[in-house]
Amino acid sequence: MFMLSKIKSFFSVMSIGVLLYASPPVLNVYVIPFDNINNDVAIGWLTDAYSEMVNAELSKYDRIYLKDKSGLEEIMTNRSLLLQQRPGTKNLLVLGKF
C-alpha cells in the first residue's frame, strides 16, 4: 500500500512537470520605434505609427508578450533577467527603417 501511494505521487509530480514544460513556448517581442533614415519631418510621425501597427497585429495572438523600448533597455542592462525566464521562452527584437 505504501509503495502504491509512492507511485501515485511520483506520477502526479511527473504529470505536473509535463504540463509545465509541454505547453507552447512564450515569445517576448520587443518592438522599438522605426528609424526615419532621411530625417524627413513630414513623415516623422511614421516612426511610432509603424511600431504601433506591428504591436496591434501581434497583440491578437496568445503567448506573445509585447515589450517596448524600456523593456529592452532593462534586459540589456541586466542580462540575468534572461535566466529568470521560463525555459523555452524566445525573445525577438523588431526594428525597421523607412
PDB file of N, CA and C in Angstrom:
ATOM      1  N   MET A   1       0.820  -1.197   0.000  1.00  0.00           N
ATOM      2  CA  MET A   1       0.000   0.000   0.000  1.00  0.00           C
ATOM      3  C   MET A   1       0.864   1.262   0.000  1.00  0.00           C
ATOM      4  N   PHE A   2       1.929   1.219   0.814  1.00  0.00           N
ATOM      5  CA  PHE A   2       2.840   2.355   0.881  1.00  0.00           C
ATOM      6  C   PHE A   2       3.499   2.590  -0.476  1.00  0.00           C
ATOM      7  N   MET A   3       3.869   1.509  -1.139  1.00  0.00           N
ATOM      8  CA  MET A   3       4.514   1.607  -2.451  1.00  0.00           C
ATOM      9  C   MET A   3       3.546   2.182  -3.483  1.00  0.00           C
ATOM     10  N   LEU A   4       2.283   1.805  -3.396  1.00  0.00           N
ATOM     11  CA  LEU A   4       1.283   2.306  -4.329  1.00  0.00           C
ATOM     12  C   LEU A   4       1.105   3.820  -4.184  1.00  0.00           C
ATOM     13  N   SER A   5       1.090   4.313  -2.967  1.00  0.00           N
ATOM     14  CA  SER A   5       0.955   5.762  -2.767  1.00  0.00           C
ATOM     15  C   SER A   5       2.197   6.503  -3.262  1.00  0.00           C
ATOM     16  N   LYS A   6       3.372   5.897  -3.119  1.00  0.00           N
ATOM     17  CA  LYS A   6       4.605   6.499  -3.647  1.00  0.00           C
ATOM     18  C   LYS A   6       4.545   6.591  -5.168  1.00  0.00           C
ATOM     19  N   ILE A   7       4.060   5.541  -5.802  1.00  0.00           N
ATOM     20  CA  ILE A   7       3.955   5.519  -7.264  1.00  0.00           C
ATOM     21  C   ILE A   7       2.957   6.575  -7.728  1.00  0.00           C
ATOM     22  N   LYS A   8       1.824   6.686  -7.043  1.00  0.00           N
ATOM     23  CA  LYS A   8       0.828   7.691  -7.413  1.00  0.00           C
ATOM     24  C   LYS A   8       1.391   9.100  -7.276  1.00  0.00           C
ATOM     25  N   SER A   9       2.101   9.362  -6.186  1.00  0.00           N
ATOM     26  CA  SER A   9       2.658  10.703  -6.005  1.00  0.00           C
ATOM     27  C   SER A   9       3.744  10.990  -7.040  1.00  0.00           C
ATOM     28  N   PHE A  10       4.515   9.975  -7.407  1.00  0.00           N
ATOM     29  CA  PHE A  10       5.538  10.150  -8.443  1.00  0.00           C
ATOM     30  C   PHE A  10       4.887  10.531  -9.764  1.00  0.00           C
ATOM     31  N   PHE A  11       3.834   9.812 -10.145  1.00  0.00           N
ATOM     32  CA  PHE A  11       3.164  10.113 -11.406  1.00  0.00           C
ATOM     33  C   PHE A  11       2.451  11.467 -11.366  1.00  0.00           C
ATOM     34  N   SER A  12       1.972  11.866 -10.210  1.00  0.00           N
ATOM     35  CA  SER A  12       1.356  13.192 -10.088  1.00  0.00           C
ATOM     36  C   SER A  12       2.385  14.288 -10.339  1.00  0.00           C
ATOM     37  N   VAL A  13       3.550  14.136  -9.734  1.00  0.00           N
ATOM     38  CA  VAL A  13       4.620  15.116  -9.928  1.00  0.00           C
ATOM     39  C   VAL A  13       5.074  15.124 -11.379  1.00  0.00           C
ATOM     40  N   MET A  14       5.205  13.969 -11.981  1.00  0.00           N
ATOM     41  CA  MET A  14       5.635  13.881 -13.377  1.00  0.00           C
ATOM     42  C   MET A  14       4.609  14.517 -14.311  1.00  0.00           C
ATOM     43  N   SER A  15       3.333  14.287 -14.059  1.00  0.00           N
ATOM     44  CA  SER A  15       2.313  14.860 -14.944  1.00  0.00           C
ATOM     45  C   SER A  15       2.270  16.381 -14.826  1.00  0.00           C
ATOM     46  N   ILE A  16       2.489  16.913 -13.642  1.00  0.00           N
ATOM     47  CA  ILE A  16       2.559  18.367 -13.482  1.00  0.00           C
ATOM     48  C   ILE A  16       3.762  18.911 -14.234  1.00  0.00           C
ATOM     49  N   GLY A  17       4.895  18.239 -14.136  1.00  0.00           N
ATOM     50  CA  GLY A  17       6.094  18.665 -14.862  1.00  0.00           C
ATOM     51  C   GLY A  17       5.888  18.644 -16.358  1.00  0.00           C
ATOM     52  N   VAL A  18       5.211  17.621 -16.849  1.00  0.00           N
ATOM     53  CA  VAL A  18       4.944  17.528 -18.287  1.00  0.00           C
ATOM     54  C   VAL A  18       4.040  18.669 -18.724  1.00  0.00           C
ATOM     55  N   LEU A  19       3.033  18.987 -17.932  1.00  0.00           N
ATOM     56  CA  LEU A  19       2.137  20.090 -18.276  1.00  0.00           C
ATOM     57  C   LEU A  19       2.869  21.427 -18.301  1.00  0.00           C
ATOM     58  N   LEU A  20       3.797  21.605 -17.372  1.00  0.00           N
ATOM     59  CA  LEU A  20       4.532  22.863 -17.328  1.00  0.00           C
ATOM     60  C   LEU A  20       5.463  23.031 -18.516  1.00  0.00           C
ATOM     61  N   TYR A  21       6.126  21.944 -18.901  1.00  0.00           N
ATOM     62  CA  TYR A  21       7.124  22.049 -19.957  1.00  0.00           C
ATOM     63  C   TYR A  21       6.590  21.704 -21.334  1.00  0.00           C
ATOM     64  N   ALA A  22       5.413  21.132 -21.431  1.00  0.00           N
ATOM     65  CA  ALA A  22       4.867  20.751 -22.731  1.00  0.00           C
ATOM     66  C   ALA A  22       4.050  21.869 -23.372  1.00  0.00           C
ATOM     67  N   SER A  23       3.766  22.897 -22.611  1.00  0.00           N
ATOM     68  CA  SER A  23       2.984  23.988 -23.187  1.00  0.00           C
ATOM     69  C   SER A  23       3.827  24.736 -24.217  1.00  0.00           C
ATOM     70  N   PRO A  24       3.181  25.368 -25.169  1.00  0.00           N
ATOM     71  CA  PRO A  24       3.921  26.076 -26.216  1.00  0.00           C
ATOM     72  C   PRO A  24       4.816  27.159 -25.623  1.00  0.00           C
ATOM     73  N   PRO A  25       5.922  27.432 -26.271  1.00  0.00           N
ATOM     74  CA  PRO A  25       6.838  28.434 -25.728  1.00  0.00           C
ATOM     75  C   PRO A  25       6.244  29.836 -25.771  1.00  0.00           C
ATOM     76  N   VAL A  26       6.717  30.635 -24.863  1.00  0.00           N
ATOM     77  CA  VAL A  26       6.319  32.037 -24.787  1.00  0.00           C
ATOM     78  C   VAL A  26       7.255  32.837 -25.687  1.00  0.00           C
ATOM     79  N   LEU A  27       6.725  33.864 -26.317  1.00  0.00           N
ATOM     80  CA  LEU A  27       7.525  34.723 -27.177  1.00  0.00           C
ATOM     81  C   LEU A  27       7.430  36.158 -26.672  1.00  0.00           C
ATOM     82  N   ASN A  28       8.557  36.709 -26.255  1.00  0.00           N
ATOM     83  CA  ASN A  28       8.636  38.120 -25.884  1.00  0.00           C
ATOM     84  C   ASN A  28       9.094  38.888 -27.108  1.00  0.00           C
ATOM     85  N   VAL A  29       8.294  39.849 -27.541  1.00  0.00           N
ATOM     86  CA  VAL A  29       8.624  40.642 -28.724  1.00  0.00           C
ATOM     87  C   VAL A  29       8.870  42.083 -28.282  1.00  0.00           C
ATOM     88  N   TYR A  30      10.070  42.545 -28.550  1.00  0.00           N
ATOM     89  CA  TYR A  30      10.460  43.918 -28.231  1.00  0.00           C
ATOM     90  C   TYR A  30      10.341  44.736 -29.509  1.00  0.00           C
ATOM     91  N   VAL A  31       9.387  45.658 -29.534  1.00  0.00           N
ATOM     92  CA  VAL A  31       9.147  46.498 -30.710  1.00  0.00           C
ATOM     93  C   VAL A  31       9.609  47.910 -30.369  1.00  0.00           C
ATOM     94  N   ILE A  32      10.587  48.390 -31.134  1.00  0.00           N
ATOM     95  CA  ILE A  32      11.081  49.745 -30.906  1.00  0.00           C
ATOM     96  C   ILE A  32      10.681  50.624 -32.091  1.00  0.00           C
ATOM     97  N   PRO A  33      10.627  51.937 -31.879  1.00  0.00           N
ATOM     98  CA  PRO A  33      10.236  52.828 -32.981  1.00  0.00           C
ATOM     99  C   PRO A  33      11.146  52.665 -34.196  1.00  0.00           C
ATOM    100  N   PHE A  34      10.561  52.762 -35.363  1.00  0.00           N
ATOM    101  CA  PHE A  34      11.304  52.617 -36.612  1.00  0.00           C
ATOM    102  C   PHE A  34      12.140  53.873 -36.864  1.00  0.00           C
ATOM    103  N   ASP A  35      13.201  53.723 -37.644  1.00  0.00           N
ATOM    104  CA  ASP A  35      14.095  54.847 -37.951  1.00  0.00           C
ATOM    105  C   ASP A  35      13.674  55.552 -39.228  1.00  0.00           C
ATOM    106  N   ASN A  36      13.632  56.855 -39.165  1.00  0.00           N
ATOM    107  CA  ASN A  36      13.386  57.707 -40.324  1.00  0.00           C
ATOM    108  C   ASN A  36      14.769  58.056 -40.880  1.00  0.00           C
ATOM    109  N   ILE A  37      15.288  57.238 -41.804  1.00  0.00           N
ATOM    110  CA  ILE A  37      16.683  57.380 -42.232  1.00  0.00           C
ATOM    111  C   ILE A  37      16.957  58.662 -43.006  1.00  0.00           C
ATOM    112  N   ASN A  38      15.942  59.267 -43.592  1.00  0.00           N
ATOM    113  CA  ASN A  38      16.128  60.530 -44.320  1.00  0.00           C
ATOM    114  C   ASN A  38      15.827  61.749 -43.453  1.00  0.00           C
ATOM    115  N   ASN A  39      15.433  61.504 -42.205  1.00  0.00           N
ATOM    116  CA  ASN A  39      15.057  62.585 -41.281  1.00  0.00           C
ATOM    117  C   ASN A  39      14.040  63.538 -41.895  1.00  0.00           C
ATOM    118  N   ASP A  40      13.102  62.970 -42.616  1.00  0.00           N
ATOM    119  CA  ASP A  40      12.043  63.760 -43.258  1.00  0.00           C
ATOM    120  C   ASP A  40      10.985  64.096 -42.209  1.00  0.00           C
ATOM    121  N   VAL A  41      10.891  65.347 -41.853  1.00  0.00           N
ATOM    122  CA  VAL A  41       9.965  65.801 -40.814  1.00  0.00           C
ATOM    123  C   VAL A  41       8.515  65.540 -41.204  1.00  0.00           C
ATOM    124  N   ALA A  42       8.206  65.628 -42.485  1.00  0.00           N
ATOM    125  CA  ALA A  42       6.824  65.457 -42.951  1.00  0.00           C
ATOM    126  C   ALA A  42       6.288  64.057 -42.669  1.00  0.00           C
ATOM    127  N   ILE A  43       7.166  63.074 -42.665  1.00  0.00           N
ATOM    128  CA  ILE A  43       6.716  61.697 -42.403  1.00  0.00           C
ATOM    129  C   ILE A  43       7.299  61.146 -41.103  1.00  0.00           C
ATOM    130  N   GLY A  44       7.785  62.028 -40.260  1.00  0.00           N
ATOM    131  CA  GLY A  44       8.357  61.616 -38.981  1.00  0.00           C
ATOM    132  C   GLY A  44       7.376  60.886 -38.083  1.00  0.00           C
ATOM    133  N   TRP A  45       6.102  61.179 -38.242  1.00  0.00           N
ATOM    134  CA  TRP A  45       5.072  60.528 -37.430  1.00  0.00           C
ATOM    135  C   TRP A  45       5.028  59.019 -37.677  1.00  0.00           C
ATOM    136  N   LEU A  46       5.558  58.574 -38.820  1.00  0.00           N
ATOM    137  CA  LEU A  46       5.559  57.136 -39.118  1.00  0.00           C
ATOM    138  C   LEU A  46       6.482  56.348 -38.192  1.00  0.00           C
ATOM    139  N   THR A  47       7.422  57.036 -37.560  1.00  0.00           N
ATOM    140  CA  THR A  47       8.347  56.380 -36.636  1.00  0.00           C
ATOM    141  C   THR A  47       7.585  55.565 -35.596  1.00  0.00           C
ATOM    142  N   ASP A  48       6.618  56.191 -34.962  1.00  0.00           N
ATOM    143  CA  ASP A  48       5.811  55.494 -33.956  1.00  0.00           C
ATOM    144  C   ASP A  48       4.658  54.723 -34.580  1.00  0.00           C
ATOM    145  N   ALA A  49       4.147  55.201 -35.694  1.00  0.00           N
ATOM    146  CA  ALA A  49       2.982  54.559 -36.311  1.00  0.00           C
ATOM    147  C   ALA A  49       3.293  53.133 -36.753  1.00  0.00           C
ATOM    148  N   TYR A  50       4.451  52.923 -37.351  1.00  0.00           N
ATOM    149  CA  TYR A  50       4.803  51.572 -37.796  1.00  0.00           C
ATOM    150  C   TYR A  50       4.926  50.614 -36.614  1.00  0.00           C
ATOM    151  N   SER A  51       5.579  51.050 -35.547  1.00  0.00           N
ATOM    152  CA  SER A  51       5.711  50.169 -34.388  1.00  0.00           C
ATOM    153  C   SER A  51       4.353  49.905 -33.739  1.00  0.00           C
ATOM    154  N   GLU A  52       3.463  50.886 -33.754  1.00  0.00           N
ATOM    155  CA  GLU A  52       2.116  50.681 -33.220  1.00  0.00           C
ATOM    156  C   GLU A  52       1.321  49.696 -34.072  1.00  0.00           C
ATOM    157  N   MET A  53       1.517  49.734 -35.388  1.00  0.00           N
ATOM    158  CA  MET A  53       0.831  48.769 -36.261  1.00  0.00           C
ATOM    159  C   MET A  53       1.328  47.350 -36.006  1.00  0.00           C
ATOM    160  N   VAL A  54       2.625  47.199 -35.815  1.00  0.00           N
ATOM    161  CA  VAL A  54       3.183  45.877 -35.503  1.00  0.00           C
ATOM    162  C   VAL A  54       2.624  45.389 -34.174  1.00  0.00           C
ATOM    163  N   ASN A  55       2.601  46.260 -33.172  1.00  0.00           N
ATOM    164  CA  ASN A  55       2.038  45.899 -31.867  1.00  0.00           C
ATOM    165  C   ASN A  55       0.575  45.495 -31.980  1.00  0.00           C
ATOM    166  N   ALA A  56      -0.194  46.244 -32.750  1.00  0.00           N
ATOM    167  CA  ALA A  56      -1.621  45.945 -32.900  1.00  0.00           C
ATOM    168  C   ALA A  56      -1.826  44.576 -33.536  1.00  0.00           C
ATOM    169  N   GLU A  57      -1.023  44.250 -34.517  1.00  0.00           N
ATOM    170  CA  GLU A  57      -1.172  42.955 -35.186  1.00  0.00           C
ATOM    171  C   GLU A  57      -0.740  41.804 -34.280  1.00  0.00           C
ATOM    172  N   LEU A  58       0.373  41.958 -33.586  1.00  0.00           N
ATOM    173  CA  LEU A  58       0.876  40.878 -32.737  1.00  0.00           C
ATOM    174  C   LEU A  58       0.058  40.697 -31.466  1.00  0.00           C
ATOM    175  N   SER A  59      -0.644  41.726 -31.041  1.00  0.00           N
ATOM    176  CA  SER A  59      -1.437  41.618 -29.813  1.00  0.00           C
ATOM    177  C   SER A  59      -2.630  40.681 -29.971  1.00  0.00           C
ATOM    178  N   LYS A  60      -2.926  40.277 -31.175  1.00  0.00           N
ATOM    179  CA  LYS A  60      -4.050  39.370 -31.430  1.00  0.00           C
ATOM    180  C   LYS A  60      -3.731  37.927 -31.054  1.00  0.00           C
ATOM    181  N   TYR A  61      -2.471  37.619 -30.839  1.00  0.00           N
ATOM    182  CA  TYR A  61      -2.044  36.235 -30.635  1.00  0.00           C
ATOM    183  C   TYR A  61      -1.760  35.951 -29.167  1.00  0.00           C
ATOM    184  N   ASP A  62      -2.129  34.742 -28.743  1.00  0.00           N
ATOM    185  CA  ASP A  62      -1.827  34.294 -27.387  1.00  0.00           C
ATOM    186  C   ASP A  62      -0.344  33.967 -27.281  1.00  0.00           C
ATOM    187  N   ARG A  63       0.153  34.067 -26.077  1.00  0.00           N
ATOM    188  CA  ARG A  63       1.523  33.681 -25.741  1.00  0.00           C
ATOM    189  C   ARG A  63       2.579  34.545 -26.422  1.00  0.00           C
ATOM    190  N   ILE A  64       2.161  35.674 -26.976  1.00  0.00           N
ATOM    191  CA  ILE A  64       3.104  36.676 -27.468  1.00  0.00           C
ATOM    192  C   ILE A  64       2.962  37.878 -26.546  1.00  0.00           C
ATOM    193  N   TYR A  65       4.047  38.201 -25.886  1.00  0.00           N
ATOM    194  CA  TYR A  65       4.040  39.310 -24.943  1.00  0.00           C
ATOM    195  C   TYR A  65       4.849  40.453 -25.538  1.00  0.00           C
ATOM    196  N   LEU A  66       4.192  41.576 -25.719  1.00  0.00           N
ATOM    197  CA  LEU A  66       4.814  42.728 -26.357  1.00  0.00           C
ATOM    198  C   LEU A  66       5.534  43.584 -25.324  1.00  0.00           C
ATOM    199  N   LYS A  67       6.738  43.957 -25.667  1.00  0.00           N
ATOM    200  CA  LYS A  67       7.566  44.798 -24.800  1.00  0.00           C
ATOM    201  C   LYS A  67       7.966  46.034 -25.592  1.00  0.00           C
ATOM    202  N   ASP A  68       8.269  47.095 -24.879  1.00  0.00           N
ATOM    203  CA  ASP A  68       8.667  48.326 -25.559  1.00  0.00           C
ATOM    204  C   ASP A  68      10.156  48.594 -25.347  1.00  0.00           C
ATOM    205  N   LYS A  69      10.570  49.782 -25.701  1.00  0.00           N
ATOM    206  CA  LYS A  69      11.988  50.144 -25.628  1.00  0.00           C
ATOM    207  C   LYS A  69      12.521  50.062 -24.200  1.00  0.00           C
ATOM    208  N   SER A  70      11.709  50.443 -23.230  1.00  0.00           N
ATOM    209  CA  SER A  70      12.170  50.391 -21.837  1.00  0.00           C
ATOM    210  C   SER A  70      12.380  48.948 -21.380  1.00  0.00           C
ATOM    211  N   GLY A  71      11.538  48.030 -21.854  1.00  0.00           N
ATOM    212  CA  GLY A  71      11.727  46.620 -21.539  1.00  0.00           C
ATOM    213  C   GLY A  71      13.009  46.071 -22.135  1.00  0.00           C
ATOM    214  N   LEU A  72      13.329  46.517 -23.338  1.00  0.00           N
ATOM    215  CA  LEU A  72      14.573  46.103 -23.987  1.00  0.00           C
ATOM    216  C   LEU A  72      15.774  46.651 -23.229  1.00  0.00           C
ATOM    217  N   GLU A  73      15.708  47.908 -22.817  1.00  0.00           N
ATOM    218  CA  GLU A  73      16.809  48.509 -22.056  1.00  0.00           C
ATOM    219  C   GLU A  73      17.031  47.777 -20.742  1.00  0.00           C
ATOM    220  N   GLU A  74      15.938  47.357 -20.105  1.00  0.00           N
ATOM    221  CA  GLU A  74      16.048  46.628 -18.845  1.00  0.00           C
ATOM    222  C   GLU A  74      16.757  45.292 -19.053  1.00  0.00           C
ATOM    223  N   ILE A  75      16.391  44.564 -20.103  1.00  0.00           N
ATOM    224  CA  ILE A  75      17.032  43.277 -20.398  1.00  0.00           C
ATOM    225  C   ILE A  75      18.502  43.473 -20.767  1.00  0.00           C
ATOM    226  N   MET A  76      18.791  44.518 -21.534  1.00  0.00           N
ATOM    227  CA  MET A  76      20.169  44.745 -21.977  1.00  0.00           C
ATOM    228  C   MET A  76      21.084  45.172 -20.828  1.00  0.00           C
ATOM    229  N   THR A  77      20.554  45.870 -19.838  1.00  0.00           N
ATOM    230  CA  THR A  77      21.385  46.287 -18.707  1.00  0.00           C
ATOM    231  C   THR A  77      21.492  45.209 -17.639  1.00  0.00           C
ATOM    232  N   ASN A  78      20.548  44.303 -17.599  1.00  0.00           N
ATOM    233  CA  ASN A  78      20.570  43.244 -16.592  1.00  0.00           C
ATOM    234  C   ASN A  78      20.287  41.907 -17.272  1.00  0.00           C
ATOM    235  N   ARG A  79      21.296  41.336 -17.868  1.00  0.00           N
ATOM    236  CA  ARG A  79      21.131  40.093 -18.634  1.00  0.00           C
ATOM    237  C   ARG A  79      20.693  38.909 -17.773  1.00  0.00           C
ATOM    238  N   SER A  80      20.885  38.992 -16.467  1.00  0.00           N
ATOM    239  CA  SER A  80      20.467  37.890 -15.604  1.00  0.00           C
ATOM    240  C   SER A  80      18.953  37.707 -15.624  1.00  0.00           C
ATOM    241  N   LEU A  81      18.219  38.726 -16.073  1.00  0.00           N
ATOM    242  CA  LEU A  81      16.766  38.589 -16.201  1.00  0.00           C
ATOM    243  C   LEU A  81      16.403  37.519 -17.224  1.00  0.00           C
ATOM    244  N   LEU A  82      17.267  37.314 -18.220  1.00  0.00           N
ATOM    245  CA  LEU A  82      17.016  36.268 -19.215  1.00  0.00           C
ATOM    246  C   LEU A  82      17.053  34.887 -18.576  1.00  0.00           C
ATOM    247  N   LEU A  83      17.897  34.722 -17.564  1.00  0.00           N
ATOM    248  CA  LEU A  83      17.997  33.432 -16.882  1.00  0.00           C
ATOM    249  C   LEU A  83      16.762  33.143 -16.037  1.00  0.00           C
ATOM    250  N   GLN A  84      16.021  34.179 -15.684  1.00  0.00           N
ATOM    251  CA  GLN A  84      14.822  34.007 -14.871  1.00  0.00           C
ATOM    252  C   GLN A  84      13.593  33.682 -15.707  1.00  0.00           C
ATOM    253  N   GLN A  85      13.738  33.739 -17.025  1.00  0.00           N
ATOM    254  CA  GLN A  85      12.603  33.425 -17.887  1.00  0.00           C
ATOM    255  C   GLN A  85      12.355  31.925 -17.894  1.00  0.00           C
ATOM    256  N   ARG A  86      11.143  31.580 -18.176  1.00  0.00           N
ATOM    257  CA  ARG A  86      10.748  30.177 -18.254  1.00  0.00           C
ATOM    258  C   ARG A  86      11.521  29.476 -19.374  1.00  0.00           C
ATOM    259  N   PRO A  87      11.938  28.228 -19.159  1.00  0.00           N
ATOM    260  CA  PRO A  87      12.640  27.502 -20.224  1.00  0.00           C
ATOM    261  C   PRO A  87      11.800  27.451 -21.500  1.00  0.00           C
ATOM    262  N   GLY A  88      12.439  27.679 -22.623  1.00  0.00           N
ATOM    263  CA  GLY A  88      11.750  27.669 -23.905  1.00  0.00           C
ATOM    264  C   GLY A  88      11.262  29.033 -24.350  1.00  0.00           C
ATOM    265  N   THR A  89      11.400  30.039 -23.479  1.00  0.00           N
ATOM    266  CA  THR A  89      10.976  31.389 -23.840  1.00  0.00           C
ATOM    267  C   THR A  89      11.898  31.948 -24.915  1.00  0.00           C
ATOM    268  N   LYS A  90      11.304  32.530 -25.919  1.00  0.00           N
ATOM    269  CA  LYS A  90      12.070  33.143 -27.011  1.00  0.00           C
ATOM    270  C   LYS A  90      11.927  34.656 -26.926  1.00  0.00           C
ATOM    271  N   ASN A  91      12.961  35.362 -27.325  1.00  0.00           N
ATOM    272  CA  ASN A  91      12.965  36.821 -27.340  1.00  0.00           C
ATOM    273  C   ASN A  91      13.249  37.283 -28.757  1.00  0.00           C
ATOM    274  N   LEU A  92      12.453  38.226 -29.230  1.00  0.00           N
ATOM    275  CA  LEU A  92      12.571  38.711 -30.598  1.00  0.00           C
ATOM    276  C   LEU A  92      12.568  40.236 -30.583  1.00  0.00           C
ATOM    277  N   LEU A  93      13.500  40.825 -31.322  1.00  0.00           N
ATOM    278  CA  LEU A  93      13.583  42.276 -31.449  1.00  0.00           C
ATOM    279  C   LEU A  93      13.097  42.670 -32.832  1.00  0.00           C
ATOM    280  N   VAL A  94      12.113  43.581 -32.875  1.00  0.00           N
ATOM    281  CA  VAL A  94      11.585  44.075 -34.149  1.00  0.00           C
ATOM    282  C   VAL A  94      12.033  45.521 -34.304  1.00  0.00           C
ATOM    283  N   LEU A  95      12.750  45.779 -35.378  1.00  0.00           N
ATOM    284  CA  LEU A  95      13.154  47.141 -35.694  1.00  0.00           C
ATOM    285  C   LEU A  95      13.071  47.335 -37.193  1.00  0.00           C
ATOM    286  N   GLY A  96      13.007  48.574 -37.603  1.00  0.00           N
ATOM    287  CA  GLY A  96      12.876  48.835 -39.029  1.00  0.00           C
ATOM    288  C   GLY A  96      13.267  50.256 -39.358  1.00  0.00           C
ATOM    289  N   LYS A  97      13.314  50.520 -40.639  1.00  0.00           N
ATOM    290  CA  LYS A  97      13.632  51.864 -41.110  1.00  0.00           C
ATOM    291  C   LYS A  97      12.817  52.156 -42.354  1.00  0.00           C
ATOM    292  N   PHE A  98      12.621  53.427 -42.601  1.00  0.00           N
ATOM    293  CA  PHE A  98      11.855  53.843 -43.780  1.00  0.00           C
ATOM    294  C   PHE A  98      12.449  55.111 -44.335  1.00  0.00           C
TER     295      PHE A  98
END
